[in-house]
Structure formats: structure tokens, C-alpha cells
All heavy atoms as atom14 arrays in JSON, in Angstrom:
{
  "sequence": "RAPGEGTLYAFGNIAAKGPAQRFKLAAFDPALL",
  "atom14_mask": [
    [1, 1, 1, 1, 1, 1, 1, 1, 1, 1, 1, 0, 0, 0],
    [1, 1, 1, 1, 1, 0, 0, 0, 0, 0, 0, 0, 0, 0],
    [1, 1, 1, 1, 1, 1, 1, 0, 0, 0, 0, 0, 0, 0],
    [1, 1, 1, 1, 0, 0, 0, 0, 0, 0, 0, 0, 0, 0],
    [1, 1, 1, 1, 1, 1, 1, 1, 1, 0, 0, 0, 0, 0],
    [1, 1, 1, 1, 0, 0, 0, 0, 0, 0, 0, 0, 0, 0],
    [1, 1, 1, 1, 1, 1, 1, 0, 0, 0, 0, 0, 0, 0],
    [1, 1, 1, 1, 1, 1, 1, 1, 0, 0, 0, 0, 0, 0],
    [1, 1, 1, 1, 1, 1, 1, 1, 1, 1, 1, 1, 0, 0],
    [1, 1, 1, 1, 1, 0, 0, 0, 0, 0, 0, 0, 0, 0],
    [1, 1, 1, 1, 1, 1, 1, 1, 1, 1, 1, 0, 0, 0],
    [1, 1, 1, 1, 0, 0, 0, 0, 0, 0, 0, 0, 0, 0],
    [1, 1, 1, 1, 1, 1, 1, 1, 0, 0, 0, 0, 0, 0],
    [1, 1, 1, 1, 1, 1, 1, 1, 0, 0, 0, 0, 0, 0],
    [1, 1, 1, 1, 1, 0, 0, 0, 0, 0, 0, 0, 0, 0],
    [1, 1, 1, 1, 1, 0, 0, 0, 0, 0, 0, 0, 0, 0],
    [1, 1, 1, 1, 1, 1, 1, 1, 1, 0, 0, 0, 0, 0],
    [1, 1, 1, 1, 0, 0, 0, 0, 0, 0, 0, 0, 0, 0],
    [1, 1, 1, 1, 1, 1, 1, 0, 0, 0, 0, 0, 0, 0],
    [1, 1, 1, 1, 1, 0, 0, 0, 0, 0, 0, 0, 0, 0],
    [1, 1, 1, 1, 1, 1, 1, 1, 1, 0, 0, 0, 0, 0],
    [1, 1, 1, 1, 1, 1, 1, 1, 1, 1, 1, 0, 0, 0],
    [1, 1, 1, 1, 1, 1, 1, 1, 1, 1, 1, 0, 0, 0],
    [1, 1, 1, 1, 1, 1, 1, 1, 1, 0, 0, 0, 0, 0],
    [1, 1, 1, 1, 1, 1, 1, 1, 0, 0, 0, 0, 0, 0],
    [1, 1, 1, 1, 1, 0, 0, 0, 0, 0, 0, 0, 0, 0],
    [1, 1, 1, 1, 1, 0, 0, 0, 0, 0, 0, 0, 0, 0],
    [1, 1, 1, 1, 1, 1, 1, 1, 1, 1, 1, 0, 0, 0],
    [1, 1, 1, 1, 1, 1, 1, 1, 0, 0, 0, 0, 0, 0],
    [1, 1, 1, 1, 1, 1, 1, 0, 0, 0, 0, 0, 0, 0],
    [1, 1, 1, 1, 1, 0, 0, 0, 0, 0, 0, 0, 0, 0],
    [1, 1, 1, 1, 1, 1, 1, 1, 0, 0, 0, 0, 0, 0],
    [1, 1, 1, 1, 1, 1, 1, 1, 0, 0, 0, 0, 0, 0]
  ],
  "atom14_positions": [
    [[8.82, 32.78, 16.88], [7.41, 32.89, 17.33], [6.89, 34.18, 17.21], [7.39, 35.06, 17.69], [7.23, 32.22, 18.75], [5.84, 32.26, 19.37], [5.82, 31.59, 20.54], [6.41, 32.33, 21.57], [5.88, 33.39, 22.38], [4.67, 33.83, 21.98], [6.53, 34.07, 23.21], [0.0, 0.0, 0.0], [0.0, 0.0, 0.0], [0.0, 0.0, 0.0]],
    [[5.82, 34.36, 16.44], [5.27, 35.7, 16.22], [4.63, 36.19, 17.45], [4.09, 35.51, 18.16], [4.31, 35.53, 15.03], [0.0, 0.0, 0.0], [0.0, 0.0, 0.0], [0.0, 0.0, 0.0], [0.0, 0.0, 0.0], [0.0, 0.0, 0.0], [0.0, 0.0, 0.0], [0.0, 0.0, 0.0], [0.0, 0.0, 0.0], [0.0, 0.0, 0.0]],
    [[4.72, 37.5, 17.64], [4.06, 38.04, 18.96], [2.58, 37.7, 18.89], [1.91, 37.71, 18.02], [4.19, 39.62, 18.68], [5.4, 39.69, 17.85], [5.33, 38.6, 16.87], [0.0, 0.0, 0.0], [0.0, 0.0, 0.0], [0.0, 0.0, 0.0], [0.0, 0.0, 0.0], [0.0, 0.0, 0.0], [0.0, 0.0, 0.0], [0.0, 0.0, 0.0]],
    [[2.27, 37.11, 20.09], [0.78, 36.7, 20.31], [0.5, 35.32, 19.77], [-0.74, 34.96, 20.17], [0.0, 0.0, 0.0], [0.0, 0.0, 0.0], [0.0, 0.0, 0.0], [0.0, 0.0, 0.0], [0.0, 0.0, 0.0], [0.0, 0.0, 0.0], [0.0, 0.0, 0.0], [0.0, 0.0, 0.0], [0.0, 0.0, 0.0], [0.0, 0.0, 0.0]],
    [[1.38, 34.69, 19.08], [1.12, 33.31, 18.7], [1.71, 32.32, 19.47], [2.84, 32.61, 20.05], [1.45, 33.23, 17.24], [0.96, 34.26, 16.22], [-0.55, 33.93, 16.13], [-0.89, 32.76, 16.13], [-1.47, 34.8, 15.84], [0.0, 0.0, 0.0], [0.0, 0.0, 0.0], [0.0, 0.0, 0.0], [0.0, 0.0, 0.0], [0.0, 0.0, 0.0]],
    [[1.15, 31.08, 19.54], [1.64, 30.08, 20.41], [2.64, 29.09, 19.65], [3.16, 28.22, 20.32], [0.0, 0.0, 0.0], [0.0, 0.0, 0.0], [0.0, 0.0, 0.0], [0.0, 0.0, 0.0], [0.0, 0.0, 0.0], [0.0, 0.0, 0.0], [0.0, 0.0, 0.0], [0.0, 0.0, 0.0], [0.0, 0.0, 0.0], [0.0, 0.0, 0.0]],
    [[2.73, 29.21, 18.32], [3.5, 28.23, 17.55], [4.99, 28.72, 17.44], [5.12, 29.75, 17.01], [2.97, 28.07, 16.12], [1.76, 27.56, 16.23], [3.8, 27.01, 15.35], [0.0, 0.0, 0.0], [0.0, 0.0, 0.0], [0.0, 0.0, 0.0], [0.0, 0.0, 0.0], [0.0, 0.0, 0.0], [0.0, 0.0, 0.0], [0.0, 0.0, 0.0]],
    [[5.92, 27.83, 17.79], [7.25, 27.93, 17.67], [7.74, 27.39, 16.38], [7.53, 26.14, 16.26], [8.21, 27.57, 18.9], [9.65, 27.57, 18.76], [9.99, 29.02, 18.83], [10.34, 26.87, 19.83], [0.0, 0.0, 0.0], [0.0, 0.0, 0.0], [0.0, 0.0, 0.0], [0.0, 0.0, 0.0], [0.0, 0.0, 0.0], [0.0, 0.0, 0.0]],
    [[8.4, 28.15, 15.37], [8.97, 27.62, 14.18], [10.28, 27.4, 14.31], [11.08, 28.35, 14.82], [8.57, 28.58, 13.01], [7.05, 28.53, 12.7], [6.39, 29.66, 13.38], [6.49, 27.7, 11.84], [4.91, 29.81, 13.11], [4.96, 27.85, 11.61], [4.38, 28.96, 12.2], [3.02, 29.02, 12.01], [0.0, 0.0, 0.0], [0.0, 0.0, 0.0]],
    [[10.79, 26.23, 14.18], [12.19, 25.9, 14.17], [12.68, 25.46, 12.9], [12.17, 24.5, 12.29], [12.43, 24.87, 15.13], [0.0, 0.0, 0.0], [0.0, 0.0, 0.0], [0.0, 0.0, 0.0], [0.0, 0.0, 0.0], [0.0, 0.0, 0.0], [0.0, 0.0, 0.0], [0.0, 0.0, 0.0], [0.0, 0.0, 0.0], [0.0, 0.0, 0.0]],
    [[13.7, 26.1, 12.31], [14.25, 25.72, 10.95], [15.76, 25.92, 10.81], [16.29, 26.58, 11.63], [13.41, 26.47, 9.79], [13.53, 27.95, 9.99], [14.39, 28.73, 9.34], [12.46, 28.55, 10.78], [14.35, 30.04, 9.43], [12.51, 29.93, 10.91], [13.49, 30.69, 10.32], [0.0, 0.0, 0.0], [0.0, 0.0, 0.0], [0.0, 0.0, 0.0]],
    [[16.27, 25.22, 9.84], [17.84, 25.33, 9.67], [18.28, 23.88, 9.65], [17.88, 22.81, 9.34], [0.0, 0.0, 0.0], [0.0, 0.0, 0.0], [0.0, 0.0, 0.0], [0.0, 0.0, 0.0], [0.0, 0.0, 0.0], [0.0, 0.0, 0.0], [0.0, 0.0, 0.0], [0.0, 0.0, 0.0], [0.0, 0.0, 0.0], [0.0, 0.0, 0.0]],
    [[19.62, 23.78, 10.26], [20.27, 22.56, 10.21], [21.2, 22.52, 11.53], [21.6, 23.54, 12.03], [21.07, 22.3, 9.04], [22.15, 23.28, 8.76], [22.0, 24.23, 8.06], [23.4, 22.99, 9.4], [0.0, 0.0, 0.0], [0.0, 0.0, 0.0], [0.0, 0.0, 0.0], [0.0, 0.0, 0.0], [0.0, 0.0, 0.0], [0.0, 0.0, 0.0]],
    [[21.52, 21.41, 11.97], [22.48, 21.11, 13.09], [23.48, 19.89, 12.69], [22.9, 18.99, 12.04], [21.68, 20.83, 14.39], [22.7, 20.72, 15.63], [20.83, 19.58, 14.21], [22.06, 20.63, 16.86], [0.0, 0.0, 0.0], [0.0, 0.0, 0.0], [0.0, 0.0, 0.0], [0.0, 0.0, 0.0], [0.0, 0.0, 0.0], [0.0, 0.0, 0.0]],
    [[24.72, 19.93, 13.01], [25.6, 19.01, 12.62], [25.33, 17.64, 13.22], [25.16, 17.54, 14.44], [27.07, 19.49, 12.89], [0.0, 0.0, 0.0], [0.0, 0.0, 0.0], [0.0, 0.0, 0.0], [0.0, 0.0, 0.0], [0.0, 0.0, 0.0], [0.0, 0.0, 0.0], [0.0, 0.0, 0.0], [0.0, 0.0, 0.0], [0.0, 0.0, 0.0]],
    [[25.48, 16.64, 12.48], [25.32, 15.24, 12.97], [26.42, 14.99, 13.97], [27.63, 15.49, 13.91], [25.35, 14.2, 11.87], [0.0, 0.0, 0.0], [0.0, 0.0, 0.0], [0.0, 0.0, 0.0], [0.0, 0.0, 0.0], [0.0, 0.0, 0.0], [0.0, 0.0, 0.0], [0.0, 0.0, 0.0], [0.0, 0.0, 0.0], [0.0, 0.0, 0.0]],
    [[26.02, 14.21, 15.06], [27.11, 13.84, 16.05], [27.64, 14.98, 16.87], [28.56, 14.81, 17.7], [28.14, 13.03, 15.42], [27.7, 11.78, 14.7], [28.9, 11.02, 14.26], [28.38, 9.71, 13.57], [29.53, 8.94, 12.95], [0.0, 0.0, 0.0], [0.0, 0.0, 0.0], [0.0, 0.0, 0.0], [0.0, 0.0, 0.0], [0.0, 0.0, 0.0]],
    [[27.05, 16.13, 16.6], [27.47, 17.33, 17.42], [26.75, 17.44, 18.66], [25.75, 16.78, 19.05], [0.0, 0.0, 0.0], [0.0, 0.0, 0.0], [0.0, 0.0, 0.0], [0.0, 0.0, 0.0], [0.0, 0.0, 0.0], [0.0, 0.0, 0.0], [0.0, 0.0, 0.0], [0.0, 0.0, 0.0], [0.0, 0.0, 0.0], [0.0, 0.0, 0.0]],
    [[27.13, 18.42, 19.56], [26.5, 18.58, 20.82], [25.22, 19.24, 20.61], [24.97, 19.97, 19.78], [27.49, 19.59, 21.59], [28.18, 20.21, 20.52], [28.31, 19.25, 19.46], [0.0, 0.0, 0.0], [0.0, 0.0, 0.0], [0.0, 0.0, 0.0], [0.0, 0.0, 0.0], [0.0, 0.0, 0.0], [0.0, 0.0, 0.0], [0.0, 0.0, 0.0]],
    [[24.35, 19.02, 21.64], [23.0, 19.73, 21.68], [23.25, 21.33, 21.88], [24.12, 21.64, 22.54], [22.07, 19.08, 22.71], [0.0, 0.0, 0.0], [0.0, 0.0, 0.0], [0.0, 0.0, 0.0], [0.0, 0.0, 0.0], [0.0, 0.0, 0.0], [0.0, 0.0, 0.0], [0.0, 0.0, 0.0], [0.0, 0.0, 0.0], [0.0, 0.0, 0.0]],
    [[22.25, 22.05, 21.3], [22.38, 23.45, 21.48], [21.05, 23.95, 22.29], [20.07, 23.48, 21.98], [22.3, 24.17, 20.14], [23.52, 23.77, 19.18], [24.75, 24.03, 19.87], [25.06, 25.28, 20.06], [25.68, 23.17, 19.87], [0.0, 0.0, 0.0], [0.0, 0.0, 0.0], [0.0, 0.0, 0.0], [0.0, 0.0, 0.0], [0.0, 0.0, 0.0]],
    [[21.24, 24.86, 23.16], [20.23, 25.24, 24.03], [19.94, 26.8, 24.08], [20.86, 27.54, 23.88], [20.49, 24.98, 25.55], [20.54, 23.53, 25.83], [20.89, 23.13, 27.23], [20.82, 21.65, 27.45], [21.63, 20.62, 27.1], [22.68, 21.16, 26.53], [21.34, 19.44, 27.3], [0.0, 0.0, 0.0], [0.0, 0.0, 0.0], [0.0, 0.0, 0.0]],
    [[18.7, 27.07, 24.13], [18.17, 28.51, 23.9], [17.11, 28.69, 24.98], [16.34, 27.92, 25.35], [17.64, 28.77, 22.53], [18.5, 28.34, 21.32], [18.64, 26.99, 20.93], [19.5, 29.19, 20.84], [19.43, 26.57, 19.84], [20.27, 28.69, 19.8], [20.35, 27.48, 19.33], [0.0, 0.0, 0.0], [0.0, 0.0, 0.0], [0.0, 0.0, 0.0]],
    [[17.23, 30.15, 25.36], [16.16, 30.46, 26.3], [15.12, 31.4, 25.55], [15.53, 32.39, 24.94], [16.63, 31.16, 27.48], [17.26, 30.2, 28.52], [17.6, 30.8, 29.86], [18.07, 29.92, 30.8], [18.44, 30.48, 32.17], [0.0, 0.0, 0.0], [0.0, 0.0, 0.0], [0.0, 0.0, 0.0], [0.0, 0.0, 0.0], [0.0, 0.0, 0.0]],
    [[13.75, 31.18, 25.61], [12.85, 32.0, 25.0], [11.75, 32.34, 25.95], [11.7, 31.8, 27.1], [12.17, 31.22, 23.83], [13.16, 30.69, 22.7], [12.29, 30.06, 21.65], [13.75, 31.95, 21.99], [0.0, 0.0, 0.0], [0.0, 0.0, 0.0], [0.0, 0.0, 0.0], [0.0, 0.0, 0.0], [0.0, 0.0, 0.0], [0.0, 0.0, 0.0]],
    [[10.85, 33.31, 25.61], [9.79, 33.62, 26.46], [8.65, 32.54, 26.4], [8.32, 32.03, 25.27], [9.19, 34.9, 25.93], [0.0, 0.0, 0.0], [0.0, 0.0, 0.0], [0.0, 0.0, 0.0], [0.0, 0.0, 0.0], [0.0, 0.0, 0.0], [0.0, 0.0, 0.0], [0.0, 0.0, 0.0], [0.0, 0.0, 0.0], [0.0, 0.0, 0.0]],
    [[8.11, 32.19, 27.52], [7.03, 31.28, 27.55], [5.75, 32.08, 27.02], [5.62, 33.29, 26.91], [6.6, 30.83, 29.06], [0.0, 0.0, 0.0], [0.0, 0.0, 0.0], [0.0, 0.0, 0.0], [0.0, 0.0, 0.0], [0.0, 0.0, 0.0], [0.0, 0.0, 0.0], [0.0, 0.0, 0.0], [0.0, 0.0, 0.0], [0.0, 0.0, 0.0]],
    [[4.78, 31.28, 26.25], [3.68, 31.84, 25.78], [2.55, 32.32, 26.66], [2.13, 33.49, 26.57], [3.08, 30.83, 24.76], [1.77, 31.29, 24.1], [1.67, 32.3, 23.28], [0.55, 30.61, 24.36], [0.54, 32.8, 22.68], [-0.59, 30.98, 23.85], [-0.66, 32.19, 22.93], [0.0, 0.0, 0.0], [0.0, 0.0, 0.0], [0.0, 0.0, 0.0]],
    [[2.14, 31.5, 27.71], [1.06, 31.81, 28.58], [1.54, 31.46, 30.0], [1.28, 30.32, 30.41], [-0.2, 31.2, 28.12], [-1.44, 31.79, 28.92], [-1.24, 32.12, 30.09], [-2.59, 31.62, 28.46], [0.0, 0.0, 0.0], [0.0, 0.0, 0.0], [0.0, 0.0, 0.0], [0.0, 0.0, 0.0], [0.0, 0.0, 0.0], [0.0, 0.0, 0.0]],
    [[2.32, 32.3, 30.7], [2.72, 31.89, 31.96], [1.57, 31.52, 33.03], [1.81, 30.54, 33.75], [3.48, 33.12, 32.47], [3.84, 33.82, 31.43], [2.73, 33.67, 30.42], [0.0, 0.0, 0.0], [0.0, 0.0, 0.0], [0.0, 0.0, 0.0], [0.0, 0.0, 0.0], [0.0, 0.0, 0.0], [0.0, 0.0, 0.0], [0.0, 0.0, 0.0]],
    [[0.45, 32.09, 33.0], [-0.58, 31.88, 33.91], [-1.11, 30.38, 33.63], [-1.3, 29.56, 34.51], [-1.72, 32.8, 33.82], [0.0, 0.0, 0.0], [0.0, 0.0, 0.0], [0.0, 0.0, 0.0], [0.0, 0.0, 0.0], [0.0, 0.0, 0.0], [0.0, 0.0, 0.0], [0.0, 0.0, 0.0], [0.0, 0.0, 0.0], [0.0, 0.0, 0.0]],
    [[-1.32, 30.06, 32.29], [-1.68, 28.77, 31.9], [-0.73, 27.71, 32.34], [-1.05, 26.59, 32.91], [-2.06, 28.73, 30.57], [-2.66, 27.42, 30.04], [-4.14, 27.11, 30.61], [-2.9, 27.4, 28.36], [0.0, 0.0, 0.0], [0.0, 0.0, 0.0], [0.0, 0.0, 0.0], [0.0, 0.0, 0.0], [0.0, 0.0, 0.0], [0.0, 0.0, 0.0]],
    [[0.57, 28.03, 32.16], [1.59, 26.99, 32.54], [1.55, 26.8, 34.09], [1.66, 25.5, 34.57], [2.9, 27.6, 32.18], [4.14, 26.75, 32.54], [3.99, 25.43, 31.82], [5.4, 27.56, 32.13], [0.0, 0.0, 0.0], [0.0, 0.0, 0.0], [0.0, 0.0, 0.0], [0.0, 0.0, 0.0], [0.0, 0.0, 0.0], [0.0, 0.0, 0.0]]
  ]
}
């Protein structure tokens, strides 16, 4: 996610039948949330 932008771009691949992967990122607008 580019600084100041609200769109999260997700790309690449994940193995079929594999476990889910989790990531922590910064929220875009905490006050609005």
C-alpha cells in the first residue's frame, strides 16, 4: 500500500490446500474506522 493511499495491492501465489497466512499492517484511517 503506497503511503497515503487506501488501496492494498495483493499479488503472488499461495499453495492449494495449504494453511492460511496472516499479516499485520497499518490501518489507513484510524479515526474513520
